[in-house]
């Protein structure tokens, strides 16, 4: 079960960073109309800011899950 948690944590870290990076890339567009169109088409959100927020939340979830997996692993090693 800890191995699955470790995989999910790493996947969440990577996907969170990618989502935030894509949001930042779309936010760099100069034209507001193309920015809104790209955000709805490629990010699936109304604005690029929402995608950045979601990416940060997913990244933090992966970080917390990874810490909990490390705690669980150290407790299971301590037991025997």
PDB file of N, CA and C in Angstrom:
ATOM      1  N   UNK A   1       0.814  -1.187   0.000  1.00  0.00           N
ATOM      2  CA  UNK A   1       0.000   0.000   0.000  1.00  0.00           C
ATOM      3  C   UNK A   1       0.868   1.267   0.000  1.00  0.00           C
ATOM      4  N   UNK A   2       2.013   1.199   0.656  1.00  0.00           N
ATOM      5  CA  UNK A   2       2.906   2.351   0.670  1.00  0.00           C
ATOM      6  C   UNK A   2       3.514   2.608  -0.701  1.00  0.00           C
ATOM      7  N   UNK A   3       3.722   1.534  -1.461  1.00  0.00           N
ATOM      8  CA  UNK A   3       4.267   1.712  -2.810  1.00  0.00           C
ATOM      9  C   UNK A   3       3.262   2.443  -3.697  1.00  0.00           C
ATOM     10  N   UNK A   4       1.993   2.115  -3.562  1.00  0.00           N
ATOM     11  CA  UNK A   4       0.955   2.799  -4.328  1.00  0.00           C
ATOM     12  C   UNK A   4       0.879   4.270  -3.924  1.00  0.00           C
ATOM     13  N   UNK A   5       0.972   4.549  -2.639  1.00  0.00           N
ATOM     14  CA  UNK A   5       0.968   5.930  -2.166  1.00  0.00           C
ATOM     15  C   UNK A   5       2.151   6.713  -2.701  1.00  0.00           C
ATOM     16  N   UNK A   6       3.298   6.052  -2.782  1.00  0.00           N
ATOM     17  CA  UNK A   6       4.497   6.706  -3.309  1.00  0.00           C
ATOM     18  C   UNK A   6       4.323   7.030  -4.791  1.00  0.00           C
ATOM     19  N   UNK A   7       3.736   6.120  -5.540  1.00  0.00           N
ATOM     20  CA  UNK A   7       3.503   6.351  -6.971  1.00  0.00           C
ATOM     21  C   UNK A   7       2.519   7.492  -7.176  1.00  0.00           C
ATOM     22  N   UNK A   8       1.434   7.494  -6.404  1.00  0.00           N
ATOM     23  CA  UNK A   8       0.429   8.549  -6.527  1.00  0.00           C
ATOM     24  C   UNK A   8       1.028   9.899  -6.140  1.00  0.00           C
ATOM     25  N   UNK A   9       1.848   9.931  -5.109  1.00  0.00           N
ATOM     26  CA  UNK A   9       2.477  11.184  -4.684  1.00  0.00           C
ATOM     27  C   UNK A   9       3.388  11.735  -5.768  1.00  0.00           C
ATOM     28  N   UNK A  10       4.207  10.895  -6.352  1.00  0.00           N
ATOM     29  CA  UNK A  10       5.119  11.357  -7.404  1.00  0.00           C
ATOM     30  C   UNK A  10       4.347  11.812  -8.639  1.00  0.00           C
ATOM     31  N   UNK A  11       3.301  11.069  -8.985  1.00  0.00           N
ATOM     32  CA  UNK A  11       2.482  11.448 -10.130  1.00  0.00           C
ATOM     33  C   UNK A  11       1.785  12.787  -9.899  1.00  0.00           C
ATOM     34  N   UNK A  12       1.292  13.005  -8.687  1.00  0.00           N
ATOM     35  CA  UNK A  12       0.639  14.267  -8.360  1.00  0.00           C
ATOM     36  C   UNK A  12       1.628  15.426  -8.407  1.00  0.00           C
ATOM     37  N   UNK A  13       2.838  15.202  -7.966  1.00  0.00           N
ATOM     38  CA  UNK A  13       3.864  16.252  -8.033  1.00  0.00           C
ATOM     39  C   UNK A  13       4.140  16.655  -9.476  1.00  0.00           C
ATOM     40  N   UNK A  14       4.329  15.670 -10.324  1.00  0.00           N
ATOM     41  CA  UNK A  14       4.656  15.957 -11.719  1.00  0.00           C
ATOM     42  C   UNK A  14       3.481  16.624 -12.427  1.00  0.00           C
ATOM     43  N   UNK A  15       2.274  16.072 -12.241  1.00  0.00           N
ATOM     44  CA  UNK A  15       1.110  16.639 -12.914  1.00  0.00           C
ATOM     45  C   UNK A  15       0.774  18.037 -12.405  1.00  0.00           C
ATOM     46  N   UNK A  16       0.990  18.280 -11.125  1.00  0.00           N
ATOM     47  CA  UNK A  16       0.748  19.605 -10.579  1.00  0.00           C
ATOM     48  C   UNK A  16       1.683  20.644 -11.161  1.00  0.00           C
ATOM     49  N   UNK A  17       2.950  20.286 -11.288  1.00  0.00           N
ATOM     50  CA  UNK A  17       3.920  21.212 -11.877  1.00  0.00           C
ATOM     51  C   UNK A  17       3.584  21.462 -13.346  1.00  0.00           C
ATOM     52  N   UNK A  18       3.217  20.412 -14.077  1.00  0.00           N
ATOM     53  CA  UNK A  18       2.863  20.585 -15.488  1.00  0.00           C
ATOM     54  C   UNK A  18       1.631  21.469 -15.660  1.00  0.00           C
ATOM     55  N   UNK A  19       0.626  21.274 -14.816  1.00  0.00           N
ATOM     56  CA  UNK A  19      -0.596  22.082 -14.925  1.00  0.00           C
ATOM     57  C   UNK A  19      -0.298  23.552 -14.629  1.00  0.00           C
ATOM     58  N   UNK A  20       0.480  23.808 -13.597  1.00  0.00           N
ATOM     59  CA  UNK A  20       0.833  25.191 -13.268  1.00  0.00           C
ATOM     60  C   UNK A  20       1.693  25.811 -14.370  1.00  0.00           C
ATOM     61  N   UNK A  21       2.611  25.047 -14.933  1.00  0.00           N
ATOM     62  CA  UNK A  21       3.462  25.565 -16.007  1.00  0.00           C
ATOM     63  C   UNK A  21       2.641  25.868 -17.254  1.00  0.00           C
ATOM     64  N   UNK A  22       1.694  25.006 -17.568  1.00  0.00           N
ATOM     65  CA  UNK A  22       0.830  25.277 -18.719  1.00  0.00           C
ATOM     66  C   UNK A  22      -0.024  26.516 -18.472  1.00  0.00           C
ATOM     67  N   UNK A  23      -0.488  26.680 -17.247  1.00  0.00           N
ATOM     68  CA  UNK A  23      -1.249  27.884 -16.912  1.00  0.00           C
ATOM     69  C   UNK A  23      -0.418  29.141 -17.046  1.00  0.00           C
ATOM     70  N   UNK A  24       0.828  29.077 -16.616  1.00  0.00           N
ATOM     71  CA  UNK A  24       1.723  30.229 -16.759  1.00  0.00           C
ATOM     72  C   UNK A  24       2.020  30.522 -18.227  1.00  0.00           C
ATOM     73  N   UNK A  25       2.154  29.461 -19.024  1.00  0.00           N
ATOM     74  CA  UNK A  25       2.409  29.659 -20.440  1.00  0.00           C
ATOM     75  C   UNK A  25       1.221  30.348 -21.116  1.00  0.00           C
ATOM     76  N   UNK A  26       0.010  29.885 -20.811  1.00  0.00           N
ATOM     77  CA  UNK A  26      -1.186  30.506 -21.402  1.00  0.00           C
ATOM     78  C   UNK A  26      -1.343  31.932 -20.886  1.00  0.00           C
ATOM     79  N   UNK A  27      -0.975  32.182 -19.642  1.00  0.00           N
ATOM     80  CA  UNK A  27      -1.086  33.534 -19.083  1.00  0.00           C
ATOM     81  C   UNK A  27      -0.134  34.507 -19.762  1.00  0.00           C
ATOM     82  N   UNK A  28       0.884  34.012 -20.421  1.00  0.00           N
ATOM     83  CA  UNK A  28       1.845  34.900 -21.073  1.00  0.00           C
ATOM     84  C   UNK A  28       1.369  35.407 -22.429  1.00  0.00           C
ATOM     85  N   UNK A  29       0.234  34.908 -22.917  1.00  0.00           N
ATOM     86  CA  UNK A  29      -0.299  35.392 -24.199  1.00  0.00           C
ATOM     87  C   UNK A  29      -0.689  36.854 -24.064  1.00  0.00           C
ATOM     88  N   UNK A  30      -0.417  37.635 -25.093  1.00  0.00           N
ATOM     89  CA  UNK A  30      -0.693  39.072 -25.058  1.00  0.00           C
ATOM     90  C   UNK A  30      -2.163  39.401 -25.282  1.00  0.00           C
ATOM     91  N   UNK A  31      -2.782  38.742 -26.232  1.00  0.00           N
ATOM     92  CA  UNK A  31      -4.170  39.044 -26.592  1.00  0.00           C
ATOM     93  C   UNK A  31      -5.130  38.388 -25.603  1.00  0.00           C
ATOM     94  N   UNK A  32      -5.994  39.172 -24.936  1.00  0.00           N
ATOM     95  CA  UNK A  32      -6.931  38.581 -23.968  1.00  0.00           C
ATOM     96  C   UNK A  32      -7.901  37.577 -24.587  1.00  0.00           C
ATOM     97  N   UNK A  33      -8.293  37.804 -25.830  1.00  0.00           N
ATOM     98  CA  UNK A  33      -9.220  36.874 -26.472  1.00  0.00           C
ATOM     99  C   UNK A  33      -8.548  35.521 -26.732  1.00  0.00           C
ATOM    100  N   UNK A  34      -7.311  35.547 -27.211  1.00  0.00           N
ATOM    101  CA  UNK A  34      -6.608  34.281 -27.447  1.00  0.00           C
ATOM    102  C   UNK A  34      -6.236  33.603 -26.131  1.00  0.00           C
ATOM    103  N   UNK A  35      -5.970  34.400 -25.100  1.00  0.00           N
ATOM    104  CA  UNK A  35      -5.686  33.829 -23.778  1.00  0.00           C
ATOM    105  C   UNK A  35      -6.894  33.088 -23.240  1.00  0.00           C
ATOM    106  N   UNK A  36      -8.077  33.682 -23.363  1.00  0.00           N
ATOM    107  CA  UNK A  36      -9.305  33.044 -22.880  1.00  0.00           C
ATOM    108  C   UNK A  36      -9.629  31.802 -23.701  1.00  0.00           C
ATOM    109  N   UNK A  37      -9.436  31.889 -25.015  1.00  0.00           N
ATOM    110  CA  UNK A  37      -9.703  30.733 -25.865  1.00  0.00           C
ATOM    111  C   UNK A  37      -8.744  29.587 -25.568  1.00  0.00           C
ATOM    112  N   UNK A  38      -7.472  29.903 -25.374  1.00  0.00           N
ATOM    113  CA  UNK A  38      -6.487  28.862 -25.070  1.00  0.00           C
ATOM    114  C   UNK A  38      -6.735  28.251 -23.697  1.00  0.00           C
ATOM    115  N   UNK A  39      -7.146  29.054 -22.740  1.00  0.00           N
ATOM    116  CA  UNK A  39      -7.418  28.528 -21.405  1.00  0.00           C
ATOM    117  C   UNK A  39      -8.589  27.554 -21.432  1.00  0.00           C
ATOM    118  N   UNK A  40      -9.645  27.902 -22.141  1.00  0.00           N
ATOM    119  CA  UNK A  40     -10.793  27.001 -22.174  1.00  0.00           C
ATOM    120  C   UNK A  40     -10.513  25.775 -23.030  1.00  0.00           C
ATOM    121  N   UNK A  41      -9.723  25.930 -24.088  1.00  0.00           N
ATOM    122  CA  UNK A  41      -9.471  24.798 -24.983  1.00  0.00           C
ATOM    123  C   UNK A  41      -8.423  23.840 -24.430  1.00  0.00           C
ATOM    124  N   UNK A  42      -7.293  24.348 -23.991  1.00  0.00           N
ATOM    125  CA  UNK A  42      -6.179  23.489 -23.602  1.00  0.00           C
ATOM    126  C   UNK A  42      -6.122  23.176 -22.118  1.00  0.00           C
ATOM    127  N   UNK A  43      -6.660  24.057 -21.289  1.00  0.00           N
ATOM    128  CA  UNK A  43      -6.578  23.848 -19.847  1.00  0.00           C
ATOM    129  C   UNK A  43      -7.879  23.341 -19.247  1.00  0.00           C
ATOM    130  N   UNK A  44      -8.977  23.545 -19.935  1.00  0.00           N
ATOM    131  CA  UNK A  44     -10.259  23.097 -19.419  1.00  0.00           C
ATOM    132  C   UNK A  44     -10.766  23.943 -18.277  1.00  0.00           C
ATOM    133  N   UNK A  45     -10.308  25.162 -18.173  1.00  0.00           N
ATOM    134  CA  UNK A  45     -10.757  26.074 -17.127  1.00  0.00           C
ATOM    135  C   UNK A  45     -11.073  27.421 -17.760  1.00  0.00           C
ATOM    136  N   UNK A  46     -11.797  28.240 -17.017  1.00  0.00           N
ATOM    137  CA  UNK A  46     -12.221  29.528 -17.566  1.00  0.00           C
ATOM    138  C   UNK A  46     -11.048  30.481 -17.758  1.00  0.00           C
ATOM    139  N   UNK A  47     -10.092  30.467 -16.828  1.00  0.00           N
ATOM    140  CA  UNK A  47      -8.939  31.356 -16.921  1.00  0.00           C
ATOM    141  C   UNK A  47      -7.654  30.576 -16.654  1.00  0.00           C
ATOM    142  N   UNK A  48      -6.552  31.177 -17.030  1.00  0.00           N
ATOM    143  CA  UNK A  48      -5.263  30.534 -16.759  1.00  0.00           C
ATOM    144  C   UNK A  48      -4.944  30.557 -15.267  1.00  0.00           C
ATOM    145  N   UNK A  49      -5.466  31.542 -14.555  1.00  0.00           N
ATOM    146  CA  UNK A  49      -5.255  31.607 -13.110  1.00  0.00           C
ATOM    147  C   UNK A  49      -5.865  30.426 -12.385  1.00  0.00           C
ATOM    148  N   UNK A  50      -7.034  29.978 -12.842  1.00  0.00           N
ATOM    149  CA  UNK A  50      -7.649  28.792 -12.240  1.00  0.00           C
ATOM    150  C   UNK A  50      -6.773  27.562 -12.444  1.00  0.00           C
ATOM    151  N   UNK A  51      -6.186  27.435 -13.629  1.00  0.00           N
ATOM    152  CA  UNK A  51      -5.319  26.297 -13.910  1.00  0.00           C
ATOM    153  C   UNK A  51      -4.060  26.344 -13.043  1.00  0.00           C
ATOM    154  N   UNK A  52      -3.520  27.527 -12.827  1.00  0.00           N
ATOM    155  CA  UNK A  52      -2.349  27.668 -11.966  1.00  0.00           C
ATOM    156  C   UNK A  52      -2.705  27.281 -10.533  1.00  0.00           C
ATOM    157  N   UNK A  53      -3.849  27.744 -10.060  1.00  0.00           N
ATOM    158  CA  UNK A  53      -4.301  27.392  -8.710  1.00  0.00           C
ATOM    159  C   UNK A  53      -4.496  25.885  -8.563  1.00  0.00           C
ATOM    160  N   UNK A  54      -5.123  25.267  -9.562  1.00  0.00           N
ATOM    161  CA  UNK A  54      -5.336  23.828  -9.510  1.00  0.00           C
ATOM    162  C   UNK A  54      -4.011  23.075  -9.514  1.00  0.00           C
ATOM    163  N   UNK A  55      -3.063  23.548 -10.311  1.00  0.00           N
ATOM    164  CA  UNK A  55      -1.757  22.900 -10.353  1.00  0.00           C
ATOM    165  C   UNK A  55      -1.029  22.990  -9.029  1.00  0.00           C
ATOM    166  N   UNK A  56      -1.133  24.131  -8.373  1.00  0.00           N
ATOM    167  CA  UNK A  56      -0.497  24.290  -7.060  1.00  0.00           C
ATOM    168  C   UNK A  56      -1.160  23.380  -6.035  1.00  0.00           C
ATOM    169  N   UNK A  57      -2.491  23.272  -6.090  1.00  0.00           N
ATOM    170  CA  UNK A  57      -3.204  22.393  -5.157  1.00  0.00           C
ATOM    171  C   UNK A  57      -2.813  20.937  -5.353  1.00  0.00           C
ATOM    172  N   UNK A  58      -2.705  20.497  -6.615  1.00  0.00           N
ATOM    173  CA  UNK A  58      -2.314  19.114  -6.888  1.00  0.00           C
ATOM    174  C   UNK A  58      -0.881  18.868  -6.429  1.00  0.00           C
ATOM    175  N   UNK A  59      -0.002  19.840  -6.662  1.00  0.00           N
ATOM    176  CA  UNK A  59       1.383  19.716  -6.211  1.00  0.00           C
ATOM    177  C   UNK A  59       1.456  19.592  -4.689  1.00  0.00           C
ATOM    178  N   UNK A  60       0.707  20.433  -3.983  1.00  0.00           N
ATOM    179  CA  UNK A  60       0.717  20.373  -2.518  1.00  0.00           C
ATOM    180  C   UNK A  60       0.125  19.064  -2.006  1.00  0.00           C
ATOM    181  N   UNK A  61      -0.914  18.558  -2.693  1.00  0.00           N
ATOM    182  CA  UNK A  61      -1.462  17.251  -2.327  1.00  0.00           C
ATOM    183  C   UNK A  61      -0.400  16.171  -2.454  1.00  0.00           C
ATOM    184  N   UNK A  62       0.349  16.180  -3.553  1.00  0.00           N
ATOM    185  CA  UNK A  62       1.408  15.195  -3.742  1.00  0.00           C
ATOM    186  C   UNK A  62       2.504  15.324  -2.705  1.00  0.00           C
ATOM    187  N   UNK A  63       2.820  16.552  -2.333  1.00  0.00           N
ATOM    188  CA  UNK A  63       3.839  16.781  -1.317  1.00  0.00           C
ATOM    189  C   UNK A  63       3.406  16.222   0.037  1.00  0.00           C
ATOM    190  N   UNK A  64       2.170  16.523   0.434  1.00  0.00           N
ATOM    191  CA  UNK A  64       1.664  16.028   1.716  1.00  0.00           C
ATOM    192  C   UNK A  64       1.550  14.503   1.693  1.00  0.00           C
ATOM    193  N   UNK A  65       1.064  13.949   0.590  1.00  0.00           N
ATOM    194  CA  UNK A  65       0.959  12.494   0.494  1.00  0.00           C
ATOM    195  C   UNK A  65       2.335  11.843   0.560  1.00  0.00           C
ATOM    196  N   UNK A  66       3.324  12.433  -0.080  1.00  0.00           N
ATOM    197  CA  UNK A  66       4.678  11.893  -0.011  1.00  0.00           C
ATOM    198  C   UNK A  66       5.242  11.921   1.400  1.00  0.00           C
ATOM    199  N   UNK A  67       4.959  12.980   2.143  1.00  0.00           N
ATOM    200  CA  UNK A  67       5.409  13.055   3.538  1.00  0.00           C
ATOM    201  C   UNK A  67       4.718  11.982   4.373  1.00  0.00           C
ATOM    202  N   UNK A  68       3.414  11.799   4.147  1.00  0.00           N
ATOM    203  CA  UNK A  68       2.691  10.768   4.895  1.00  0.00           C
ATOM    204  C   UNK A  68       3.189   9.367   4.557  1.00  0.00           C
ATOM    205  N   UNK A  69       3.555   9.127   3.318  1.00  0.00           N
ATOM    206  CA  UNK A  69       4.110   7.832   2.929  1.00  0.00           C
ATOM    207  C   UNK A  69       5.442   7.607   3.623  1.00  0.00           C
ATOM    208  N   UNK A  70       6.278   8.642   3.697  1.00  0.00           N
ATOM    209  CA  UNK A  70       7.568   8.500   4.396  1.00  0.00           C
ATOM    210  C   UNK A  70       7.356   8.211   5.880  1.00  0.00           C
ATOM    211  N   UNK A  71       6.375   8.868   6.482  1.00  0.00           N
ATOM    212  CA  UNK A  71       6.065   8.607   7.892  1.00  0.00           C
ATOM    213  C   UNK A  71       5.583   7.176   8.064  1.00  0.00           C
ATOM    214  N   UNK A  72       4.688   6.749   7.183  1.00  0.00           N
ATOM    215  CA  UNK A  72       4.183   5.375   7.253  1.00  0.00           C
ATOM    216  C   UNK A  72       5.275   4.358   7.048  1.00  0.00           C
ATOM    217  N   UNK A  73       6.191   4.616   6.133  1.00  0.00           N
ATOM    218  CA  UNK A  73       7.280   3.686   5.884  1.00  0.00           C
ATOM    219  C   UNK A  73       8.201   3.591   7.101  1.00  0.00           C
ATOM    220  N   UNK A  74       8.488   4.721   7.734  1.00  0.00           N
ATOM    221  CA  UNK A  74       9.369   4.675   8.907  1.00  0.00           C
ATOM    222  C   UNK A  74       8.688   3.981  10.078  1.00  0.00           C
ATOM    223  N   UNK A  75       7.379   4.149  10.213  1.00  0.00           N
ATOM    224  CA  UNK A  75       6.662   3.452  11.281  1.00  0.00           C
ATOM    225  C   UNK A  75       6.597   1.949  11.031  1.00  0.00           C
ATOM    226  N   UNK A  76       6.435   1.556   9.765  1.00  0.00           N
ATOM    227  CA  UNK A  76       6.378   0.116   9.476  1.00  0.00           C
ATOM    228  C   UNK A  76       7.756  -0.542   9.653  1.00  0.00           C
ATOM    229  N   UNK A  77       8.827   0.193   9.375  1.00  0.00           N
ATOM    230  CA  UNK A  77      10.173  -0.347   9.609  1.00  0.00           C
ATOM    231  C   UNK A  77      10.466  -0.455  11.096  1.00  0.00           C
ATOM    232  N   UNK A  78       9.908   0.462  11.872  1.00  0.00           N
ATOM    233  CA  UNK A  78      10.136   0.439  13.309  1.00  0.00           C
ATOM    234  C   UNK A  78       9.441  -0.754  13.958  1.00  0.00           C
ATOM    235  N   UNK A  79       8.263  -1.121  13.438  1.00  0.00           N
ATOM    236  CA  UNK A  79       7.513  -2.239  13.994  1.00  0.00           C
ATOM    237  C   UNK A  79       8.201  -3.574  13.758  1.00  0.00           C
ATOM    238  N   UNK A  80       8.811  -3.702  12.631  1.00  0.00           N
ATOM    239  CA  UNK A  80       9.494  -4.969  12.425  1.00  0.00           C
ATOM    240  C   UNK A  80       9.460  -5.365  11.044  1.00  0.00           C
TER     241      UNK A  80
END
